[in-house]
Amino acid sequence: MINFFRSGGSFYENLRMAFATLRAHKLRSALTVVGVVIGVWTVIGISALISGIDLAVKKEVESFGIRSIFIYKFDVGIRTSAPTREERMRPNLTYEDAMAIAQLPTVEVSVPFLNITNNFFGQRLLVKRAGKTSAAVRLEGTLPDYERAGVETISEGRFFNAYENETNQPVCVIGSSVADNFFPYESPLGERIEIGGREFRVVGVLAKREQFGAGEGSNDVNNVIYVPYTVARKLKPNADDVFILAVARAGYLDRAKDDITDLLRRRRQVPFDAPNNFSIETAESIVQQFRALTAGVAIAMIAISSVGLMVGGIGVMNIMLVSVTERTREIGTRKAIGARRRDILWQFLIEAATLTGLGGAIGLLLGWATSFIVRLFLPSYVPLWAPIVGVLASVGIGLVFGLWPAWKAARLDPVEALRYE
């Protein structure tokens, strides 16, 4: 022990003394690191939520295919508000637009989708079978080429063919949620289901698709029925809500997007100096839109956690100054028998870093626990960088805010320190 006091001791001995001091002042130490705990907890919790949602959104968007191009009258992507007046005044896309896009050499597939869920007066077309009725099923008219886009997978049966589309056959392909709701105890293939007062024969069932969020009712991507485009036109003669999905040829995504943009600007007679009166996006651009939105949340996370860490750092500085005052005679004794200034400096720095490091570890555990709870309701996972940043930040706060008390302790005059009562 005499050698330790003289030399200042090893890192291990300094660490042991730091823990001994913390044990001697449990309540004071706990209150001191509350800010650090909150700061690290915030970093882990919010980063887990943002990372989980980001991954879920990316997987859902990319499930449409990394070469997919989405074209619509309204702006496609992550929306935070209703369509603007300018968007509502835009002319609708048409079946002919989709066919023109299909002729481009850089495009592999182009299919239109006609939403017929609502009739002209806004009343939903009902889906009925065996006493069950639903107004929440999304009804889309499309072409057989949609199967080639690679977005959907058939789990039973087949997709309707070109002959059935051209001859207005009342056939349909249903999503997995429709199959579960209307055919819970039997295979839907070959069975009849009523759509808008007309009977349709089920020729195929789609495999279940993963989706972000709860996905109930009309928000469920699996709660959908596809019918031939020509049949959809008859069910809803006034339909005009057309969405186009195009798939670029391999290696030509950017060029295909430019070609489609030029084609539609010509067809829609957009002036040279005017912006597009349609929206065209890719899976990657939609993911980037989402990340731009979450960037604001990330900045708020940094601000909140920084406040917590600053409060914790000020608390550490305060408690270390008190500790220096309480241990003045100890410091004087150590310096009198040979401890150098840097030995005293390191002793108190290690003590401060240990204090905030423990707070960071507690915040890390709370953050992980929070991410597991959140996972019950929303996608969530803790990215590797979050705990590393949290622990390094907490230890760094201890070193930065413990520097002044440690320097003050190191500069104490041993004679005056020994006289201190």
Protein backbone atom coordinates (compact mmCIF):
# COMPACT_ATOMS: atom_id res chain seq x y z
CA MET A 1 0.00 0.00 0.00
CA ILE A 2 2.93 2.36 0.80
CA ASN A 3 4.35 1.71 -2.69
CA PHE A 4 0.92 2.39 -4.21
CA PHE A 5 0.56 5.76 -2.47
CA ARG A 6 4.08 6.70 -3.44
CA SER A 7 3.85 5.85 -7.12
CA GLY A 8 0.21 6.58 -7.71
CA GLY A 9 -0.57 2.91 -8.34
CA SER A 10 -1.45 0.93 -11.44
CA PHE A 11 -4.51 1.43 -13.57
CA TYR A 12 -6.07 -1.58 -11.86
CA GLU A 13 -5.47 -0.12 -8.40
CA ASN A 14 -6.89 3.24 -9.48
CA LEU A 15 -9.94 1.45 -10.84
CA ARG A 16 -10.34 -0.50 -7.59
CA MET A 17 -10.18 2.71 -5.58
CA ALA A 18 -12.75 4.28 -7.90
CA PHE A 19 -15.19 1.45 -7.24
CA ALA A 20 -14.52 1.67 -3.52
CA THR A 21 -15.40 5.37 -3.59
CA LEU A 22 -18.60 4.68 -5.54
CA ARG A 23 -19.64 1.99 -3.05
CA ALA A 24 -19.02 4.37 -0.17
CA HIS A 25 -21.35 6.97 -1.71
CA LYS A 26 -24.00 4.87 -3.48
CA LEU A 27 -26.88 7.33 -3.47
CA ARG A 28 -24.73 10.30 -4.41
CA SER A 29 -23.11 8.36 -7.25
CA ALA A 30 -26.49 7.13 -8.54
CA LEU A 31 -27.97 10.62 -8.62
CA THR A 32 -24.86 11.93 -10.33
CA VAL A 33 -25.09 9.61 -13.33
CA VAL A 34 -28.86 9.94 -13.95
CA GLY A 35 -28.21 12.35 -16.82
CA VAL A 36 -25.68 9.99 -18.39
CA VAL A 37 -28.12 7.07 -18.07
CA ILE A 38 -30.89 9.07 -19.76
CA GLY A 39 -28.55 10.23 -22.54
CA VAL A 40 -27.29 6.75 -23.42
CA TRP A 41 -30.77 5.24 -22.99
CA THR A 42 -32.10 7.78 -25.50
CA VAL A 43 -29.34 7.00 -28.02
CA ILE A 44 -29.93 3.24 -27.85
CA GLY A 45 -33.75 3.41 -27.77
CA ILE A 46 -34.27 5.88 -30.60
CA SER A 47 -31.50 4.46 -32.79
CA ALA A 48 -33.06 0.98 -32.39
CA LEU A 49 -36.48 2.32 -33.42
CA ILE A 50 -35.17 4.32 -36.39
CA SER A 51 -32.94 1.46 -37.59
CA GLY A 52 -35.76 -1.08 -37.29
CA ILE A 53 -38.29 1.04 -39.16
CA ASP A 54 -35.68 1.98 -41.79
CA LEU A 55 -34.92 -1.70 -42.46
CA ALA A 56 -38.63 -2.62 -42.58
CA VAL A 57 -39.46 0.21 -45.01
CA LYS A 58 -36.47 -0.66 -47.19
CA LYS A 59 -37.47 -4.35 -47.34
CA GLU A 60 -41.08 -3.50 -48.19
CA VAL A 61 -40.19 -1.00 -50.91
CA GLU A 62 -37.52 -3.25 -52.41
CA SER A 63 -40.00 -6.16 -52.43
CA PHE A 64 -41.37 -4.45 -55.57
CA GLY A 65 -37.98 -5.05 -57.17
CA ILE A 66 -34.82 -2.97 -57.26
CA ARG A 67 -35.42 -2.29 -60.98
CA SER A 68 -39.00 -1.15 -60.48
CA ILE A 69 -40.09 2.37 -61.44
CA PHE A 70 -43.29 3.79 -59.94
CA ILE A 71 -45.26 6.36 -61.98
CA TYR A 72 -48.35 8.14 -60.71
CA LYS A 73 -50.34 11.35 -60.98
CA PHE A 74 -49.66 12.18 -57.32
CA ASP A 75 -46.21 12.31 -55.77
CA VAL A 76 -45.03 8.77 -55.02
CA GLY A 77 -43.21 7.93 -51.82
CA ILE A 78 -43.31 8.87 -48.15
CA ARG A 79 -46.02 11.50 -47.67
CA THR A 80 -46.52 13.75 -44.64
CA SER A 81 -49.50 15.69 -46.03
CA ALA A 82 -52.46 15.40 -48.38
CA PRO A 83 -51.97 15.98 -52.15
CA THR A 84 -51.55 19.63 -53.04
CA ARG A 85 -53.93 21.52 -55.31
CA GLU A 86 -51.33 21.35 -58.08
CA GLU A 87 -51.21 17.54 -57.76
CA ARG A 88 -55.00 17.26 -57.84
CA MET A 89 -55.13 19.38 -61.02
CA ARG A 90 -52.71 17.11 -62.88
CA PRO A 91 -54.15 15.01 -65.75
CA ASN A 92 -54.50 11.31 -65.02
CA LEU A 93 -52.14 8.72 -66.39
CA THR A 94 -53.70 6.39 -68.94
CA TYR A 95 -53.60 2.83 -70.20
CA GLU A 96 -52.09 4.19 -73.41
CA ASP A 97 -49.25 5.78 -71.40
CA ALA A 98 -48.38 2.37 -69.97
CA MET A 99 -48.41 0.77 -73.42
CA ALA A 100 -46.16 3.53 -74.80
CA ILE A 101 -43.70 3.02 -71.93
CA ALA A 102 -43.64 -0.73 -72.67
CA GLN A 103 -42.25 0.06 -76.15
CA LEU A 104 -39.12 1.76 -74.79
CA PRO A 105 -35.97 -0.33 -75.37
CA THR A 106 -34.77 0.21 -71.79
CA VAL A 107 -38.05 -1.06 -70.27
CA GLU A 108 -38.73 -4.75 -69.72
CA VAL A 109 -42.30 -4.57 -68.38
CA SER A 110 -44.88 -1.79 -68.05
CA VAL A 111 -48.30 -2.50 -66.55
CA PRO A 112 -51.14 -0.16 -65.58
CA PHE A 113 -53.21 -0.56 -62.42
CA LEU A 114 -56.78 0.72 -62.33
CA ASN A 115 -58.10 1.20 -58.81
CA ILE A 116 -61.80 0.23 -58.76
CA THR A 117 -62.24 -0.03 -55.00
CA ASN A 118 -64.61 2.98 -55.07
CA ASN A 119 -67.33 3.65 -57.61
CA PHE A 120 -67.92 7.04 -59.25
CA PHE A 121 -69.75 8.38 -56.19
CA GLY A 122 -67.12 7.21 -53.70
CA GLN A 123 -69.07 4.19 -52.40
CA ARG A 124 -66.91 1.10 -52.08
CA LEU A 125 -67.56 -1.94 -54.24
CA LEU A 126 -68.38 -4.80 -51.89
CA VAL A 127 -66.77 -8.22 -51.88
CA LYS A 128 -69.12 -11.01 -50.76
CA ARG A 129 -69.11 -14.76 -50.27
CA ALA A 130 -70.99 -17.20 -48.06
CA GLY A 131 -72.57 -14.53 -45.92
CA LYS A 132 -69.37 -12.54 -45.48
CA THR A 133 -69.11 -8.99 -46.81
CA SER A 134 -66.14 -6.64 -46.91
CA ALA A 135 -65.68 -3.11 -48.18
CA ALA A 136 -61.98 -3.03 -47.20
CA VAL A 137 -60.60 -5.20 -50.00
CA ARG A 138 -58.45 -3.28 -52.47
CA LEU A 139 -59.62 -3.97 -56.03
CA GLU A 140 -57.19 -3.48 -58.90
CA GLY A 141 -57.49 -4.06 -62.63
CA THR A 142 -54.21 -4.94 -64.31
CA LEU A 143 -52.66 -6.96 -67.13
CA PRO A 144 -51.26 -10.51 -67.18
CA ASP A 145 -47.77 -8.98 -67.65
CA TYR A 146 -47.84 -8.01 -63.97
CA GLU A 147 -46.74 -11.56 -63.19
CA ARG A 148 -43.51 -10.88 -65.12
CA ALA A 149 -42.68 -7.89 -62.90
CA GLY A 150 -41.62 -10.30 -60.14
CA VAL A 151 -43.43 -8.39 -57.39
CA GLU A 152 -45.98 -11.06 -56.49
CA THR A 153 -45.54 -14.81 -56.11
CA ILE A 154 -48.35 -17.25 -56.86
CA SER A 155 -48.78 -19.80 -54.05
CA GLU A 156 -51.73 -21.63 -55.63
CA GLY A 157 -53.07 -21.73 -59.17
CA ARG A 158 -51.97 -19.17 -61.75
CA PHE A 159 -52.34 -15.57 -62.90
CA PHE A 160 -55.03 -14.75 -65.44
CA ASN A 161 -53.83 -14.82 -69.06
CA ALA A 162 -54.05 -12.55 -72.11
CA TYR A 163 -57.05 -14.43 -73.53
CA GLU A 164 -59.04 -13.92 -70.32
CA ASN A 165 -58.16 -10.23 -70.33
CA GLU A 166 -59.09 -9.70 -73.99
CA THR A 167 -62.39 -11.59 -73.72
CA ASN A 168 -63.50 -9.97 -70.45
CA GLN A 169 -63.52 -13.22 -68.46
CA PRO A 170 -64.75 -12.83 -64.84
CA VAL A 171 -61.66 -14.32 -63.21
CA CYS A 172 -59.50 -13.00 -60.38
CA VAL A 173 -56.34 -13.54 -58.37
CA ILE A 174 -56.71 -12.97 -54.62
CA GLY A 175 -54.28 -12.00 -51.87
CA SER A 176 -53.55 -14.23 -48.89
CA SER A 177 -55.69 -12.14 -46.51
CA VAL A 178 -58.70 -12.45 -48.85
CA ALA A 179 -58.14 -16.21 -48.99
CA ASP A 180 -57.99 -16.45 -45.19
CA ASN A 181 -61.12 -14.32 -44.71
CA PHE A 182 -63.41 -15.77 -47.37
CA PHE A 183 -62.03 -19.33 -47.74
CA PRO A 184 -60.84 -20.28 -44.25
CA TYR A 185 -61.48 -24.04 -44.54
CA GLU A 186 -61.05 -24.77 -48.25
CA SER A 187 -58.90 -24.02 -51.26
CA PRO A 188 -60.14 -20.92 -53.12
CA LEU A 189 -59.13 -22.29 -56.55
CA GLY A 190 -62.12 -22.65 -58.83
CA GLU A 191 -64.47 -21.15 -56.23
CA ARG A 192 -66.69 -18.12 -56.83
CA ILE A 193 -66.54 -14.74 -55.10
CA GLU A 194 -68.80 -11.76 -55.71
CA ILE A 195 -67.22 -8.39 -56.57
CA GLY A 196 -69.47 -5.37 -57.09
CA GLY A 197 -72.50 -7.59 -57.65
CA ARG A 198 -70.78 -9.84 -60.22
CA GLU A 199 -69.44 -13.36 -59.66
CA PHE A 200 -65.76 -14.06 -60.33
CA ARG A 201 -63.90 -17.36 -60.46
CA VAL A 202 -60.69 -17.54 -58.43
CA VAL A 203 -57.81 -18.78 -60.61
CA GLY A 204 -54.89 -17.94 -58.32
CA VAL A 205 -53.84 -17.11 -54.76
CA LEU A 206 -50.87 -14.84 -53.99
CA ALA A 207 -48.22 -15.73 -51.43
CA LYS A 208 -48.25 -13.62 -48.29
CA ARG A 209 -46.05 -10.52 -48.44
CA GLU A 210 -44.30 -9.03 -45.44
CA GLN A 211 -45.19 -5.42 -44.74
CA PHE A 212 -44.35 -2.55 -42.42
CA GLY A 213 -46.88 -1.78 -39.68
CA ALA A 214 -50.05 -3.54 -38.64
CA GLY A 215 -51.54 -3.60 -42.12
CA GLU A 216 -55.21 -3.97 -41.34
CA GLY A 217 -58.16 -3.57 -43.71
CA SER A 218 -57.38 -1.58 -46.85
CA ASN A 219 -53.84 -0.93 -45.56
CA ASP A 220 -53.05 -4.64 -45.72
CA VAL A 221 -51.02 -5.32 -48.88
CA ASN A 222 -52.37 -8.88 -48.87
CA ASN A 223 -56.00 -7.75 -48.75
CA VAL A 224 -56.20 -7.31 -52.52
CA ILE A 225 -57.97 -8.78 -55.54
CA TYR A 226 -56.59 -8.42 -59.08
CA VAL A 227 -58.96 -8.71 -62.05
CA PRO A 228 -58.29 -8.33 -65.80
CA TYR A 229 -57.96 -4.68 -66.83
CA THR A 230 -60.81 -4.87 -69.33
CA VAL A 231 -63.12 -6.37 -66.71
CA ALA A 232 -62.20 -3.62 -64.25
CA ARG A 233 -63.22 -1.07 -66.87
CA LYS A 234 -66.68 -2.65 -67.06
CA LEU A 235 -67.06 -2.78 -63.28
CA LYS A 236 -66.16 0.90 -63.03
CA PRO A 237 -66.68 2.68 -66.38
CA ASN A 238 -65.74 6.07 -64.92
CA ALA A 239 -62.47 4.83 -63.44
CA ASP A 240 -59.50 7.11 -64.03
CA ASP A 241 -57.11 6.42 -61.13
CA VAL A 242 -54.29 4.75 -63.07
CA PHE A 243 -50.92 3.86 -61.56
CA ILE A 244 -48.08 2.49 -63.71
CA LEU A 245 -45.38 0.04 -62.65
CA ALA A 246 -42.43 -0.27 -65.03
CA VAL A 247 -39.45 -2.59 -64.71
CA ALA A 248 -36.17 -1.48 -66.27
CA ARG A 249 -33.91 -3.87 -68.11
CA ALA A 250 -30.91 -5.03 -66.07
CA GLY A 251 -28.29 -2.30 -65.88
CA TYR A 252 -30.54 0.39 -67.39
CA LEU A 253 -32.48 1.71 -64.39
CA ASP A 254 -31.31 5.34 -64.55
CA ARG A 255 -31.56 5.46 -68.34
CA ALA A 256 -35.04 3.90 -68.27
CA LYS A 257 -36.18 6.49 -65.76
CA ASP A 258 -34.91 9.29 -68.02
CA ASP A 259 -36.53 7.70 -71.10
CA ILE A 260 -39.89 7.38 -69.32
CA THR A 261 -39.70 10.96 -68.10
CA ASP A 262 -38.99 12.28 -71.63
CA LEU A 263 -41.76 10.15 -73.12
CA LEU A 264 -44.42 11.24 -70.62
CA ARG A 265 -43.44 14.91 -70.86
CA ARG A 266 -44.02 14.71 -74.62
CA ARG A 267 -47.27 12.77 -74.34
CA ARG A 268 -48.60 15.09 -71.61
CA GLN A 269 -47.36 18.18 -73.49
CA VAL A 270 -45.35 19.57 -70.60
CA PRO A 271 -43.60 22.85 -71.59
CA PHE A 272 -39.81 22.74 -71.75
CA ASP A 273 -39.31 25.02 -68.73
CA ALA A 274 -42.13 23.51 -66.61
CA PRO A 275 -41.74 20.80 -63.94
CA ASN A 276 -43.17 17.31 -64.44
CA ASN A 277 -46.92 17.01 -63.94
CA PHE A 278 -46.46 13.42 -62.76
CA SER A 279 -44.29 11.60 -60.23
CA ILE A 280 -41.66 9.02 -61.10
CA GLU A 281 -39.64 7.25 -58.41
CA THR A 282 -37.54 4.12 -57.88
CA ALA A 283 -37.29 1.92 -54.82
CA GLU A 284 -33.99 3.55 -53.87
CA SER A 285 -35.35 7.09 -54.18
CA ILE A 286 -38.33 6.25 -51.94
CA VAL A 287 -36.00 4.81 -49.30
CA GLN A 288 -33.92 7.99 -49.51
CA GLN A 289 -37.08 10.05 -48.96
CA PHE A 290 -37.79 8.09 -45.80
CA ARG A 291 -34.24 8.52 -44.54
CA ALA A 292 -34.46 12.27 -45.13
CA LEU A 293 -37.49 12.32 -42.82
CA THR A 294 -35.83 10.19 -40.14
CA ALA A 295 -32.76 12.43 -40.25
CA GLY A 296 -34.78 15.06 -38.36
CA VAL A 297 -35.62 12.49 -35.68
CA ALA A 298 -31.95 11.53 -35.49
CA ILE A 299 -30.96 15.17 -34.95
CA ALA A 300 -33.55 15.46 -32.19
CA MET A 301 -32.14 12.26 -30.66
CA ILE A 302 -28.65 13.73 -30.64
CA ALA A 303 -29.92 16.97 -29.06
CA ILE A 304 -31.87 15.17 -26.32
CA SER A 305 -29.07 12.73 -25.51
CA SER A 306 -26.52 15.57 -25.54
CA VAL A 307 -28.54 17.47 -22.94
CA GLY A 308 -28.69 14.36 -20.76
CA LEU A 309 -24.96 13.77 -21.12
CA MET A 310 -24.18 17.43 -20.38
CA VAL A 311 -26.31 17.30 -17.23
CA GLY A 312 -24.55 14.11 -16.23
CA GLY A 313 -21.16 15.68 -16.95
CA ILE A 314 -21.94 18.73 -14.80
CA GLY A 315 -23.06 16.38 -12.03
CA VAL A 316 -19.80 14.45 -12.32
CA MET A 317 -17.76 17.65 -12.12
CA ASN A 318 -19.69 18.73 -9.04
CA ILE A 319 -19.33 15.40 -7.25
CA MET A 320 -15.63 15.17 -8.11
CA LEU A 321 -14.99 18.67 -6.73
CA VAL A 322 -16.71 17.59 -3.51
CA SER A 323 -14.63 14.42 -3.52
CA VAL A 324 -11.41 16.41 -3.91
CA THR A 325 -12.39 18.57 -0.92
CA GLU A 326 -13.31 15.53 1.21
CA ARG A 327 -10.05 13.74 0.39
CA THR A 328 -7.65 16.65 0.69
CA ARG A 329 -5.64 15.01 3.51
CA GLU A 330 -5.42 11.76 1.51
CA ILE A 331 -4.07 13.69 -1.47
CA GLY A 332 -1.60 15.51 0.76
CA THR A 333 -0.38 12.21 2.24
CA ARG A 334 0.14 10.66 -1.17
CA LYS A 335 2.04 13.67 -2.47
CA ALA A 336 4.15 13.83 0.69
CA ILE A 337 5.43 10.28 0.18
CA GLY A 338 6.22 10.72 -3.50
CA ALA A 339 3.07 10.63 -5.67
CA ARG A 340 3.46 12.86 -8.71
CA ARG A 341 0.89 15.30 -10.09
CA ARG A 342 0.07 13.02 -13.01
CA ASP A 343 -0.52 10.12 -10.60
CA ILE A 344 -3.14 12.17 -8.72
CA LEU A 345 -4.55 13.44 -12.01
CA TRP A 346 -5.03 9.92 -13.37
CA GLN A 347 -6.56 8.68 -10.13
CA PHE A 348 -9.39 11.19 -10.26
CA LEU A 349 -9.83 10.96 -14.04
CA ILE A 350 -10.26 7.19 -13.81
CA GLU A 351 -12.71 7.66 -10.97
CA ALA A 352 -14.79 10.12 -13.04
CA ALA A 353 -14.67 7.89 -16.15
CA THR A 354 -15.71 4.88 -14.05
CA LEU A 355 -18.65 6.80 -12.65
CA THR A 356 -19.98 7.84 -16.08
CA GLY A 357 -19.01 4.50 -17.62
CA LEU A 358 -21.28 2.72 -15.16
CA GLY A 359 -24.04 5.17 -16.04
CA GLY A 360 -23.47 4.39 -19.72
CA ALA A 361 -23.67 0.64 -19.05
CA ILE A 362 -26.97 1.07 -17.20
CA GLY A 363 -28.32 3.25 -20.03
CA LEU A 364 -27.18 0.60 -22.52
CA LEU A 365 -29.09 -2.16 -20.68
CA LEU A 366 -32.21 0.02 -20.44
CA GLY A 367 -31.95 0.85 -24.14
CA TRP A 368 -31.71 -2.82 -25.10
CA ALA A 369 -34.68 -3.65 -22.87
CA THR A 370 -36.66 -0.82 -24.46
CA SER A 371 -35.86 -2.09 -27.96
CA PHE A 372 -37.18 -5.56 -27.05
CA ILE A 373 -40.43 -4.04 -25.73
CA VAL A 374 -40.83 -1.81 -28.79
CA ARG A 375 -40.28 -4.86 -31.02
CA LEU A 376 -43.65 -6.19 -29.84
CA PHE A 377 -45.36 -3.32 -31.69
CA LEU A 378 -42.86 -1.94 -34.23
CA PRO A 379 -39.76 -3.25 -36.00
CA SER A 380 -36.71 -2.51 -33.87
CA TYR A 381 -33.09 -3.61 -33.58
CA VAL A 382 -29.99 -2.09 -31.99
CA PRO A 383 -27.34 -1.27 -34.64
CA LEU A 384 -23.74 -2.11 -33.75
CA TRP A 385 -22.62 1.53 -33.67
CA ALA A 386 -25.18 2.60 -31.05
CA PRO A 387 -23.77 0.80 -27.96
CA ILE A 388 -20.21 1.66 -29.01
CA VAL A 389 -21.07 5.36 -29.34
CA GLY A 390 -23.07 5.28 -26.10
CA VAL A 391 -20.27 3.76 -24.00
CA LEU A 392 -17.52 5.90 -25.57
CA ALA A 393 -19.62 9.05 -25.06
CA SER A 394 -20.30 8.24 -21.42
CA VAL A 395 -16.64 7.51 -20.64
CA GLY A 396 -15.58 10.58 -22.63
CA ILE A 397 -17.96 12.77 -20.60
CA GLY A 398 -16.29 11.50 -17.42
CA LEU A 399 -12.84 12.32 -18.73
CA VAL A 400 -13.81 15.79 -19.99
CA PHE A 401 -15.81 16.92 -16.98
CA GLY A 402 -13.51 15.18 -14.52
CA LEU A 403 -10.45 16.97 -15.87
CA TRP A 404 -10.87 20.19 -13.85
CA PRO A 405 -11.42 18.45 -10.47
CA ALA A 406 -8.52 16.09 -11.22
CA TRP A 407 -6.27 19.01 -12.17
CA LYS A 408 -7.31 20.83 -9.00
CA ALA A 409 -6.44 17.77 -6.91
CA ALA A 410 -3.08 17.37 -8.67
CA ARG A 411 -2.11 21.00 -7.93
CA LEU A 412 -2.83 20.85 -4.21
CA ASP A 413 0.14 21.84 -2.05
CA PRO A 414 1.00 18.79 0.11
CA VAL A 415 1.79 20.90 3.20
CA GLU A 416 -1.52 22.78 3.02
CA ALA A 417 -3.35 19.54 2.23
CA LEU A 418 -1.95 17.83 5.33
CA ARG A 419 -3.09 20.76 7.50
CA TYR A 420 -6.63 20.57 6.08
CA GLU A 421 -9.32 19.70 8.65
